Amino acid sequence: MMNAVVLIHVAISLIAIVTGIIVMLGMIGATSVPAWTTTFLVTTILTNATGFIIPPFLYDKFLPSHAIGILSLVLLAIACFALYSQKLSGMWRWVYVVTALVSLYLNCFVLVIQTFLKVPPLHAIAPGAPPSGPVFGAVQLIVLAFFAFMTFRAIKRFHPA
């Protein structure tokens, strides 16, 4: 039963990341992509929510991934408010861009961690749980720099009608 929950969580997470990248590219192209945006927001919320039903959280052990999930859910609530309630008016445009893309970054941050944990050749060069070492640090730094750059570009370019 738990393996099915983990599989569903992973599938939802991957959908959230792919649709999030599409939304991010839309922002940079100054294009609104409403269906992709809704899919991204819903699947990212589900990703974070389902993370709380996967052990060891069920056994009273709070992990850094759960803190990331809580942070992401707060950011997503703000993103949804900016998009659906405030209609991206005024400052809510850049608030939406930042909160949505930081949530996407956090999903990718966890993806990198999980990849280094689950792919044997990567785990061999960055052992531990969580992974550590210069290769792991360099990959996470590249991911962070990429998202910082893309978020900056999206803030500058995304001006939906």
N, C-alpha and C. Protein backbone atom coordinates (compact mmCIF):
# COMPACT_ATOMS: atom_id res chain seq x y z
N MET A 1 0.82 -1.20 0.00
CA MET A 1 0.00 0.00 0.00
C MET A 1 0.86 1.26 0.00
N MET A 2 1.89 1.30 0.89
CA MET A 2 2.73 2.49 0.97
C MET A 2 3.53 2.70 -0.31
N ASN A 3 3.96 1.60 -0.95
CA ASN A 3 4.68 1.74 -2.21
C ASN A 3 3.82 2.44 -3.26
N ALA A 4 2.52 2.17 -3.27
CA ALA A 4 1.61 2.81 -4.20
C ALA A 4 1.52 4.31 -3.90
N VAL A 5 1.47 4.66 -2.63
CA VAL A 5 1.42 6.07 -2.24
C VAL A 5 2.69 6.79 -2.68
N VAL A 6 3.83 6.15 -2.47
CA VAL A 6 5.11 6.75 -2.88
C VAL A 6 5.14 6.91 -4.40
N LEU A 7 4.70 5.90 -5.13
CA LEU A 7 4.67 5.97 -6.59
C LEU A 7 3.76 7.10 -7.07
N ILE A 8 2.60 7.23 -6.47
CA ILE A 8 1.68 8.32 -6.84
C ILE A 8 2.31 9.67 -6.50
N HIS A 9 2.94 9.77 -5.35
CA HIS A 9 3.61 11.01 -4.95
C HIS A 9 4.70 11.39 -5.96
N VAL A 10 5.50 10.43 -6.37
CA VAL A 10 6.57 10.69 -7.33
C VAL A 10 5.99 11.11 -8.69
N ALA A 11 4.95 10.42 -9.14
CA ALA A 11 4.32 10.77 -10.42
C ALA A 11 3.77 12.19 -10.39
N ILE A 12 3.07 12.53 -9.31
CA ILE A 12 2.53 13.88 -9.17
C ILE A 12 3.66 14.90 -9.14
N SER A 13 4.74 14.58 -8.44
CA SER A 13 5.89 15.49 -8.35
C SER A 13 6.49 15.75 -9.72
N LEU A 14 6.65 14.71 -10.51
CA LEU A 14 7.23 14.87 -11.85
C LEU A 14 6.32 15.69 -12.76
N ILE A 15 5.00 15.47 -12.65
CA ILE A 15 4.05 16.28 -13.42
C ILE A 15 4.16 17.74 -12.99
N ALA A 16 4.26 17.97 -11.70
CA ALA A 16 4.39 19.33 -11.18
C ALA A 16 5.64 20.01 -11.71
N ILE A 17 6.75 19.29 -11.76
CA ILE A 17 8.00 19.87 -12.24
C ILE A 17 7.92 20.18 -13.73
N VAL A 18 7.42 19.24 -14.52
CA VAL A 18 7.32 19.46 -15.98
C VAL A 18 6.38 20.62 -16.28
N THR A 19 5.20 20.63 -15.66
CA THR A 19 4.26 21.72 -15.93
C THR A 19 4.79 23.04 -15.39
N GLY A 20 5.52 22.99 -14.28
CA GLY A 20 6.13 24.20 -13.74
C GLY A 20 7.16 24.79 -14.68
N ILE A 21 7.93 23.94 -15.32
CA ILE A 21 8.91 24.43 -16.30
C ILE A 21 8.20 25.06 -17.49
N ILE A 22 7.09 24.47 -17.92
CA ILE A 22 6.30 25.05 -19.01
C ILE A 22 5.77 26.43 -18.60
N VAL A 23 5.26 26.53 -17.38
CA VAL A 23 4.75 27.81 -16.87
C VAL A 23 5.88 28.84 -16.80
N MET A 24 7.04 28.43 -16.30
CA MET A 24 8.19 29.33 -16.20
C MET A 24 8.60 29.83 -17.59
N LEU A 25 8.66 28.93 -18.55
CA LEU A 25 9.02 29.34 -19.91
C LEU A 25 7.97 30.27 -20.50
N GLY A 26 6.70 30.04 -20.16
CA GLY A 26 5.65 30.95 -20.58
C GLY A 26 5.86 32.34 -19.99
N MET A 27 6.21 32.39 -18.71
CA MET A 27 6.47 33.68 -18.07
C MET A 27 7.61 34.42 -18.77
N ILE A 28 8.67 33.69 -19.07
CA ILE A 28 9.82 34.32 -19.72
C ILE A 28 9.47 34.76 -21.13
N GLY A 29 8.57 34.03 -21.78
CA GLY A 29 8.11 34.42 -23.11
C GLY A 29 6.97 35.43 -23.05
N ALA A 30 6.68 35.95 -21.86
CA ALA A 30 5.62 36.95 -21.66
C ALA A 30 4.26 36.42 -22.09
N THR A 31 4.06 35.11 -21.89
CA THR A 31 2.82 34.45 -22.29
C THR A 31 2.14 33.83 -21.08
N SER A 32 0.84 34.02 -21.00
CA SER A 32 0.06 33.37 -19.97
C SER A 32 -0.38 32.00 -20.47
N VAL A 33 -0.22 30.98 -19.65
CA VAL A 33 -0.63 29.62 -20.02
C VAL A 33 -1.54 29.07 -18.92
N PRO A 34 -2.81 29.50 -18.92
CA PRO A 34 -3.71 29.21 -17.79
C PRO A 34 -3.89 27.73 -17.45
N ALA A 35 -4.08 26.88 -18.45
CA ALA A 35 -4.31 25.46 -18.15
C ALA A 35 -3.06 24.83 -17.54
N TRP A 36 -1.89 25.16 -18.09
CA TRP A 36 -0.64 24.64 -17.54
C TRP A 36 -0.41 25.19 -16.13
N THR A 37 -0.76 26.45 -15.93
CA THR A 37 -0.57 27.08 -14.63
C THR A 37 -1.42 26.39 -13.57
N THR A 38 -2.68 26.16 -13.88
CA THR A 38 -3.56 25.47 -12.93
C THR A 38 -3.03 24.07 -12.62
N THR A 39 -2.61 23.36 -13.66
CA THR A 39 -2.06 22.02 -13.47
C THR A 39 -0.82 22.07 -12.59
N PHE A 40 0.05 23.03 -12.85
CA PHE A 40 1.26 23.19 -12.04
C PHE A 40 0.92 23.46 -10.58
N LEU A 41 0.04 24.42 -10.34
CA LEU A 41 -0.30 24.78 -8.96
C LEU A 41 -0.96 23.62 -8.22
N VAL A 42 -1.92 22.96 -8.87
CA VAL A 42 -2.63 21.85 -8.22
C VAL A 42 -1.68 20.69 -7.94
N THR A 43 -0.87 20.31 -8.92
CA THR A 43 0.03 19.17 -8.71
C THR A 43 1.14 19.50 -7.71
N THR A 44 1.57 20.74 -7.66
CA THR A 44 2.59 21.11 -6.68
C THR A 44 2.00 21.09 -5.27
N ILE A 45 0.77 21.56 -5.13
CA ILE A 45 0.09 21.47 -3.83
C ILE A 45 -0.06 20.01 -3.44
N LEU A 46 -0.50 19.17 -4.38
CA LEU A 46 -0.66 17.73 -4.09
C LEU A 46 0.69 17.07 -3.75
N THR A 47 1.74 17.46 -4.43
CA THR A 47 3.07 16.92 -4.14
C THR A 47 3.43 17.18 -2.68
N ASN A 48 3.24 18.42 -2.27
CA ASN A 48 3.58 18.77 -0.89
C ASN A 48 2.66 18.08 0.11
N ALA A 49 1.39 18.03 -0.20
CA ALA A 49 0.43 17.39 0.72
C ALA A 49 0.70 15.90 0.85
N THR A 50 0.96 15.21 -0.27
CA THR A 50 1.20 13.77 -0.19
C THR A 50 2.52 13.44 0.50
N GLY A 51 3.45 14.39 0.51
CA GLY A 51 4.71 14.17 1.22
C GLY A 51 4.53 13.95 2.71
N PHE A 52 3.41 14.42 3.24
CA PHE A 52 3.16 14.28 4.67
C PHE A 52 2.56 12.93 5.06
N ILE A 53 2.19 12.12 4.07
CA ILE A 53 1.63 10.80 4.40
C ILE A 53 2.61 9.67 4.11
N ILE A 54 3.82 10.03 3.74
CA ILE A 54 4.86 9.04 3.46
C ILE A 54 5.73 8.87 4.71
N PRO A 55 5.97 7.63 5.16
CA PRO A 55 6.86 7.45 6.30
C PRO A 55 8.23 8.06 6.01
N PRO A 56 8.97 8.52 6.97
CA PRO A 56 8.79 8.32 8.41
C PRO A 56 7.91 9.37 9.08
N PHE A 57 7.34 10.30 8.33
CA PHE A 57 6.52 11.33 8.97
C PHE A 57 5.38 10.72 9.77
N LEU A 58 4.81 9.64 9.25
CA LEU A 58 3.71 8.99 9.95
C LEU A 58 4.14 8.42 11.30
N TYR A 59 5.44 8.28 11.49
CA TYR A 59 5.96 7.70 12.72
C TYR A 59 6.66 8.75 13.59
N ASP A 60 6.12 9.95 13.59
CA ASP A 60 6.57 11.04 14.47
C ASP A 60 8.00 11.50 14.20
N LYS A 61 8.44 11.41 12.97
CA LYS A 61 9.77 11.91 12.66
C LYS A 61 9.63 13.04 11.64
N PHE A 62 9.99 14.23 12.04
CA PHE A 62 9.90 15.40 11.18
C PHE A 62 11.23 15.58 10.46
N LEU A 63 11.18 15.66 9.14
CA LEU A 63 12.39 15.75 8.31
C LEU A 63 12.50 17.13 7.65
N PRO A 64 13.68 17.48 7.18
CA PRO A 64 13.82 18.73 6.43
C PRO A 64 12.87 18.79 5.22
N SER A 65 12.59 17.65 4.60
CA SER A 65 11.67 17.64 3.46
C SER A 65 10.27 18.10 3.87
N HIS A 66 9.89 17.84 5.10
CA HIS A 66 8.59 18.30 5.59
C HIS A 66 8.60 19.81 5.81
N ALA A 67 9.71 20.34 6.28
CA ALA A 67 9.83 21.81 6.42
C ALA A 67 9.74 22.46 5.04
N ILE A 68 10.39 21.85 4.06
CA ILE A 68 10.32 22.37 2.69
C ILE A 68 8.88 22.30 2.19
N GLY A 69 8.17 21.23 2.51
CA GLY A 69 6.77 21.10 2.11
C GLY A 69 5.90 22.18 2.72
N ILE A 70 6.11 22.48 3.98
CA ILE A 70 5.33 23.53 4.65
C ILE A 70 5.63 24.88 4.02
N LEU A 71 6.91 25.18 3.81
CA LEU A 71 7.30 26.44 3.17
C LEU A 71 6.67 26.54 1.78
N SER A 72 6.75 25.47 1.01
CA SER A 72 6.20 25.48 -0.33
C SER A 72 4.68 25.69 -0.31
N LEU A 73 3.98 25.07 0.62
CA LEU A 73 2.53 25.25 0.71
C LEU A 73 2.17 26.70 1.04
N VAL A 74 2.95 27.34 1.90
CA VAL A 74 2.72 28.76 2.21
C VAL A 74 2.95 29.60 0.95
N LEU A 75 4.04 29.33 0.24
CA LEU A 75 4.33 30.07 -0.99
C LEU A 75 3.23 29.85 -2.03
N LEU A 76 2.75 28.61 -2.14
CA LEU A 76 1.70 28.32 -3.11
C LEU A 76 0.38 29.00 -2.75
N ALA A 77 0.09 29.11 -1.46
CA ALA A 77 -1.12 29.83 -1.04
C ALA A 77 -1.03 31.29 -1.47
N ILE A 78 0.15 31.88 -1.30
CA ILE A 78 0.35 33.27 -1.72
C ILE A 78 0.26 33.38 -3.24
N ALA A 79 0.86 32.44 -3.95
CA ALA A 79 0.81 32.45 -5.42
C ALA A 79 -0.64 32.36 -5.91
N CYS A 80 -1.41 31.46 -5.32
CA CYS A 80 -2.82 31.31 -5.72
C CYS A 80 -3.61 32.57 -5.41
N PHE A 81 -3.35 33.18 -4.26
CA PHE A 81 -4.02 34.43 -3.90
C PHE A 81 -3.68 35.53 -4.92
N ALA A 82 -2.39 35.65 -5.24
CA ALA A 82 -1.96 36.68 -6.19
C ALA A 82 -2.59 36.46 -7.57
N LEU A 83 -2.65 35.21 -7.99
CA LEU A 83 -3.16 34.89 -9.33
C LEU A 83 -4.68 34.95 -9.41
N TYR A 84 -5.35 34.25 -8.50
CA TYR A 84 -6.79 34.08 -8.64
C TYR A 84 -7.61 35.15 -7.92
N SER A 85 -7.10 35.69 -6.83
CA SER A 85 -7.87 36.70 -6.10
C SER A 85 -7.47 38.12 -6.53
N GLN A 86 -6.18 38.34 -6.62
CA GLN A 86 -5.69 39.68 -6.97
C GLN A 86 -5.49 39.88 -8.48
N LYS A 87 -5.64 38.82 -9.26
CA LYS A 87 -5.55 38.87 -10.73
C LYS A 87 -4.23 39.48 -11.22
N LEU A 88 -3.16 39.28 -10.45
CA LEU A 88 -1.81 39.74 -10.79
C LEU A 88 -1.70 41.26 -10.93
N SER A 89 -2.61 41.98 -10.29
CA SER A 89 -2.59 43.44 -10.40
C SER A 89 -1.50 44.02 -9.51
N GLY A 90 -0.87 45.06 -10.02
CA GLY A 90 0.16 45.77 -9.25
C GLY A 90 1.28 44.86 -8.82
N MET A 91 1.61 44.95 -7.53
CA MET A 91 2.73 44.17 -7.00
C MET A 91 2.45 42.68 -7.01
N TRP A 92 1.20 42.26 -7.15
CA TRP A 92 0.85 40.84 -7.10
C TRP A 92 1.41 40.07 -8.29
N ARG A 93 1.75 40.76 -9.37
CA ARG A 93 2.36 40.09 -10.52
C ARG A 93 3.72 39.51 -10.12
N TRP A 94 4.60 40.36 -9.57
CA TRP A 94 5.92 39.84 -9.21
C TRP A 94 5.86 38.93 -7.99
N VAL A 95 4.89 39.16 -7.08
CA VAL A 95 4.73 38.26 -5.94
C VAL A 95 4.37 36.86 -6.44
N TYR A 96 3.46 36.80 -7.41
CA TYR A 96 3.09 35.52 -8.01
C TYR A 96 4.30 34.84 -8.66
N VAL A 97 5.03 35.59 -9.47
CA VAL A 97 6.19 35.01 -10.17
C VAL A 97 7.17 34.43 -9.16
N VAL A 98 7.51 35.19 -8.15
CA VAL A 98 8.51 34.74 -7.16
C VAL A 98 8.00 33.53 -6.38
N THR A 99 6.78 33.59 -5.88
CA THR A 99 6.29 32.49 -5.06
C THR A 99 6.09 31.21 -5.88
N ALA A 100 5.60 31.35 -7.10
CA ALA A 100 5.41 30.17 -7.95
C ALA A 100 6.76 29.56 -8.32
N LEU A 101 7.71 30.39 -8.70
CA LEU A 101 9.00 29.84 -9.15
C LEU A 101 9.86 29.36 -7.99
N VAL A 102 9.74 29.94 -6.82
CA VAL A 102 10.46 29.40 -5.66
C VAL A 102 9.87 28.03 -5.29
N SER A 103 8.56 27.90 -5.42
CA SER A 103 7.93 26.58 -5.17
C SER A 103 8.43 25.55 -6.17
N LEU A 104 8.56 25.94 -7.43
CA LEU A 104 9.11 25.04 -8.45
C LEU A 104 10.56 24.70 -8.12
N TYR A 105 11.34 25.70 -7.72
CA TYR A 105 12.73 25.44 -7.32
C TYR A 105 12.80 24.44 -6.17
N LEU A 106 11.95 24.61 -5.17
CA LEU A 106 11.97 23.69 -4.03
C LEU A 106 11.66 22.26 -4.47
N ASN A 107 10.73 22.11 -5.42
CA ASN A 107 10.45 20.77 -5.97
C ASN A 107 11.70 20.21 -6.64
N CYS A 108 12.40 21.03 -7.39
CA CYS A 108 13.62 20.58 -8.08
C CYS A 108 14.75 20.32 -7.09
N PHE A 109 14.83 21.11 -6.05
CA PHE A 109 15.82 20.91 -4.99
C PHE A 109 15.65 19.51 -4.38
N VAL A 110 14.40 19.15 -4.07
CA VAL A 110 14.11 17.83 -3.51
C VAL A 110 14.37 16.74 -4.57
N LEU A 111 14.04 17.02 -5.82
CA LEU A 111 14.32 16.06 -6.91
C LEU A 111 15.81 15.73 -6.98
N VAL A 112 16.65 16.74 -6.88
CA VAL A 112 18.10 16.51 -6.91
C VAL A 112 18.52 15.63 -5.73
N ILE A 113 18.00 15.94 -4.55
CA ILE A 113 18.33 15.13 -3.37
C ILE A 113 17.90 13.68 -3.60
N GLN A 114 16.66 13.48 -4.02
CA GLN A 114 16.15 12.13 -4.22
C GLN A 114 16.92 11.39 -5.33
N THR A 115 17.32 12.11 -6.35
CA THR A 115 18.09 11.49 -7.44
C THR A 115 19.43 11.00 -6.92
N PHE A 116 20.10 11.83 -6.10
CA PHE A 116 21.38 11.41 -5.54
C PHE A 116 21.21 10.26 -4.53
N LEU A 117 20.06 10.19 -3.90
CA LEU A 117 19.81 9.08 -2.96
C LEU A 117 19.48 7.78 -3.68
N LYS A 118 18.77 7.86 -4.79
CA LYS A 118 18.19 6.66 -5.43
C LYS A 118 18.98 6.13 -6.63
N VAL A 119 19.81 6.96 -7.26
CA VAL A 119 20.57 6.51 -8.43
C VAL A 119 21.97 6.09 -7.94
N PRO A 120 22.26 4.79 -7.99
CA PRO A 120 23.51 4.29 -7.39
C PRO A 120 24.79 5.02 -7.81
N PRO A 121 25.03 5.31 -9.10
CA PRO A 121 26.28 6.02 -9.43
C PRO A 121 26.36 7.41 -8.80
N LEU A 122 25.23 8.09 -8.70
CA LEU A 122 25.23 9.41 -8.07
C LEU A 122 25.41 9.28 -6.56
N HIS A 123 24.76 8.29 -5.98
CA HIS A 123 24.90 8.07 -4.54
C HIS A 123 26.36 7.72 -4.18
N ALA A 124 27.03 7.04 -5.10
CA ALA A 124 28.43 6.67 -4.85
C ALA A 124 29.34 7.90 -4.79
N ILE A 125 29.02 8.95 -5.59
CA ILE A 125 29.88 10.15 -5.57
C ILE A 125 29.41 11.19 -4.55
N ALA A 126 28.21 10.98 -3.99
CA ALA A 126 27.70 11.88 -2.95
C ALA A 126 26.97 11.04 -1.91
N PRO A 127 27.73 10.28 -1.12
CA PRO A 127 27.09 9.38 -0.16
C PRO A 127 26.43 10.13 0.99
N GLY A 128 25.61 9.40 1.69
CA GLY A 128 24.96 9.94 2.87
C GLY A 128 23.48 10.15 2.63
N ALA A 129 22.80 10.37 3.72
CA ALA A 129 21.37 10.67 3.65
C ALA A 129 21.12 11.80 4.65
N PRO A 130 21.07 13.03 4.22
CA PRO A 130 21.06 13.50 2.84
C PRO A 130 22.44 13.42 2.20
N PRO A 131 22.44 13.46 0.86
CA PRO A 131 23.73 13.41 0.15
C PRO A 131 24.61 14.59 0.54
N SER A 132 25.92 14.39 0.37
CA SER A 132 26.85 15.47 0.67
C SER A 132 28.04 15.37 -0.27
N GLY A 133 28.90 16.34 -0.19
CA GLY A 133 30.11 16.35 -1.00
C GLY A 133 30.09 17.42 -2.06
N PRO A 134 31.24 17.64 -2.69
CA PRO A 134 31.36 18.75 -3.64
C PRO A 134 30.50 18.60 -4.90
N VAL A 135 30.35 17.38 -5.40
CA VAL A 135 29.53 17.19 -6.62
C VAL A 135 28.07 17.53 -6.32
N PHE A 136 27.56 17.00 -5.22
CA PHE A 136 26.19 17.30 -4.83
C PHE A 136 26.00 18.80 -4.61
N GLY A 137 26.92 19.43 -3.91
CA GLY A 137 26.86 20.86 -3.66
C GLY A 137 26.89 21.66 -4.96
N ALA A 138 27.74 21.24 -5.89
CA ALA A 138 27.84 21.94 -7.17
C ALA A 138 26.55 21.83 -7.97
N VAL A 139 25.96 20.64 -7.97
CA VAL A 139 24.69 20.46 -8.70
C VAL A 139 23.60 21.33 -8.08
N GLN A 140 23.51 21.34 -6.75
CA GLN A 140 22.48 22.16 -6.11
C GLN A 140 22.74 23.65 -6.35
N LEU A 141 23.99 24.06 -6.39
CA LEU A 141 24.31 25.46 -6.67
C LEU A 141 23.92 25.84 -8.10
N ILE A 142 24.15 24.94 -9.04
CA ILE A 142 23.76 25.18 -10.43
C ILE A 142 22.24 25.31 -10.54
N VAL A 143 21.52 24.43 -9.87
CA VAL A 143 20.05 24.49 -9.89
C VAL A 143 19.57 25.81 -9.28
N LEU A 144 20.15 26.20 -8.15
CA LEU A 144 19.79 27.46 -7.52
C LEU A 144 20.08 28.65 -8.43
N ALA A 145 21.26 28.68 -9.04
CA ALA A 145 21.62 29.78 -9.93
C ALA A 145 20.68 29.85 -11.14
N PHE A 146 20.35 28.69 -11.69
CA PHE A 146 19.42 28.64 -12.82
C PHE A 146 18.08 29.25 -12.44
N PHE A 147 17.53 28.83 -11.30
CA PHE A 147 16.22 29.34 -10.90
C PHE A 147 16.27 30.81 -10.50
N ALA A 148 17.35 31.26 -9.90
CA ALA A 148 17.48 32.69 -9.57
C ALA A 148 17.49 33.51 -10.87
N PHE A 149 18.25 33.07 -11.86
CA PHE A 149 18.31 33.76 -13.14
C PHE A 149 16.96 33.76 -13.83
N MET A 150 16.30 32.61 -13.88
CA MET A 150 15.01 32.49 -14.57
C MET A 150 13.93 33.31 -13.84
N THR A 151 13.98 33.33 -12.52
CA THR A 151 13.00 34.12 -11.76
C THR A 151 13.20 35.60 -12.05
N PHE A 152 14.43 36.05 -12.07
CA PHE A 152 14.73 37.45 -12.41
C PHE A 152 14.21 37.78 -13.80
N ARG A 153 14.48 36.91 -14.76
CA ARG A 153 13.98 37.15 -16.14
C ARG A 153 12.47 37.16 -16.18
N ALA A 154 11.82 36.26 -15.45
CA ALA A 154 10.36 36.19 -15.46
C ALA A 154 9.75 37.44 -14.85
N ILE A 155 10.34 37.95 -13.78
CA ILE A 155 9.84 39.18 -13.17
C ILE A 155 9.88 40.32 -14.19
N LYS A 156 10.95 40.39 -14.93
CA LYS A 156 11.12 41.45 -15.91
C LYS A 156 10.19 41.30 -17.12
N ARG A 157 9.93 40.06 -17.54
CA ARG A 157 9.24 39.85 -18.81
C ARG A 157 7.76 39.52 -18.70
N PHE A 158 7.31 38.93 -17.59
CA PHE A 158 5.93 38.47 -17.49
C PHE A 158 4.99 39.61 -17.13
N HIS A 159 4.25 40.07 -18.12
CA HIS A 159 3.26 41.13 -17.96
C HIS A 159 1.99 40.72 -18.69
N PRO A 160 1.21 39.79 -18.09
CA PRO A 160 0.00 39.34 -18.80
C PRO A 160 -1.03 40.45 -18.93
N ALA A 161 -1.86 40.32 -19.95
CA ALA A 161 -2.87 41.37 -20.22
C ALA A 161 -3.89 41.41 -19.10
